[in-house]
């Protein structure tokens, strides 16, 4: 799995679970993947919009997320 940051080709080590409450039901989780370098900046982007719900290691991403 590759990091979701634009132009990054590093291996993802984090799953950033998010949803847009205007578009998604409260229990739905979308996933962005982040490498160690981009985990914080991706999380900050989602947090500023009120979308970030959780950050977990990639091996702990729920099977129903996505």
Protein backbone atom coordinates (compact mmCIF):
# COMPACT_ATOMS: atom_id res chain seq x y z
CA UNK A 1 0.00 0.00 0.00
CA UNK A 2 1.30 3.41 -1.00
CA UNK A 3 0.98 6.70 0.92
CA UNK A 4 -1.95 8.91 -0.14
CA UNK A 5 0.12 12.14 -0.05
CA UNK A 6 0.44 13.71 -3.48
CA UNK A 7 3.57 12.50 -5.23
CA UNK A 8 4.67 10.20 -2.40
CA UNK A 9 5.62 6.64 -3.31
CA UNK A 10 6.58 5.45 0.17
CA UNK A 11 5.06 2.42 1.85
CA UNK A 12 2.04 3.36 3.97
CA UNK A 13 2.32 2.52 7.65
CA UNK A 14 -0.77 4.39 8.93
CA UNK A 15 -4.47 4.40 8.14
CA UNK A 16 -6.26 7.70 8.68
CA UNK A 17 -9.93 6.92 9.16
CA UNK A 18 -12.26 9.76 8.30
CA UNK A 19 -15.69 10.75 7.12
CA UNK A 20 -17.40 13.86 5.87
CA UNK A 21 -20.55 14.20 8.01
CA UNK A 22 -22.27 16.14 5.21
CA UNK A 23 -21.85 13.17 2.85
CA UNK A 24 -21.41 10.02 4.95
CA UNK A 25 -23.34 8.34 7.73
CA UNK A 26 -21.76 8.64 11.18
CA UNK A 27 -20.47 5.05 11.20
CA UNK A 28 -18.93 5.10 7.71
CA UNK A 29 -15.15 5.36 7.52
CA UNK A 30 -13.09 6.29 4.50
CA UNK A 31 -9.32 5.64 4.59
CA UNK A 32 -6.31 7.63 3.58
CA UNK A 33 -2.99 5.83 3.83
CA UNK A 34 0.03 7.62 5.23
CA UNK A 35 3.74 6.95 5.48
CA UNK A 36 5.61 7.98 8.63
CA UNK A 37 6.60 11.30 7.01
CA UNK A 38 3.09 12.32 5.90
CA UNK A 39 0.90 10.92 8.70
CA UNK A 40 0.80 14.25 10.55
CA UNK A 41 0.21 16.50 7.53
CA UNK A 42 -2.56 14.26 6.18
CA UNK A 43 -4.10 14.11 9.66
CA UNK A 44 -3.88 17.90 10.05
CA UNK A 45 -5.64 18.39 6.71
CA UNK A 46 -8.51 16.11 7.74
CA UNK A 47 -8.66 17.52 11.30
CA UNK A 48 -8.96 21.13 10.10
CA UNK A 49 -12.12 20.10 8.25
CA UNK A 50 -13.48 18.06 11.17
CA UNK A 51 -13.21 14.81 9.18
CA UNK A 52 -10.51 12.81 11.02
CA UNK A 53 -11.97 10.07 13.23
CA UNK A 54 -8.97 7.86 14.06
CA UNK A 55 -5.39 7.00 13.07
CA UNK A 56 -4.33 3.37 13.25
CA UNK A 57 -1.44 1.21 11.98
CA UNK A 58 -2.25 -0.20 8.53
CA UNK A 59 -2.58 -3.71 9.90
CA UNK A 60 -5.39 -2.48 12.19
CA UNK A 61 -7.55 -0.81 9.52
CA UNK A 62 -11.06 -2.25 9.94
CA UNK A 63 -12.10 -4.58 7.13
CA UNK A 64 -15.27 -2.53 6.50
CA UNK A 65 -13.41 0.79 6.11
CA UNK A 66 -12.78 2.20 2.69
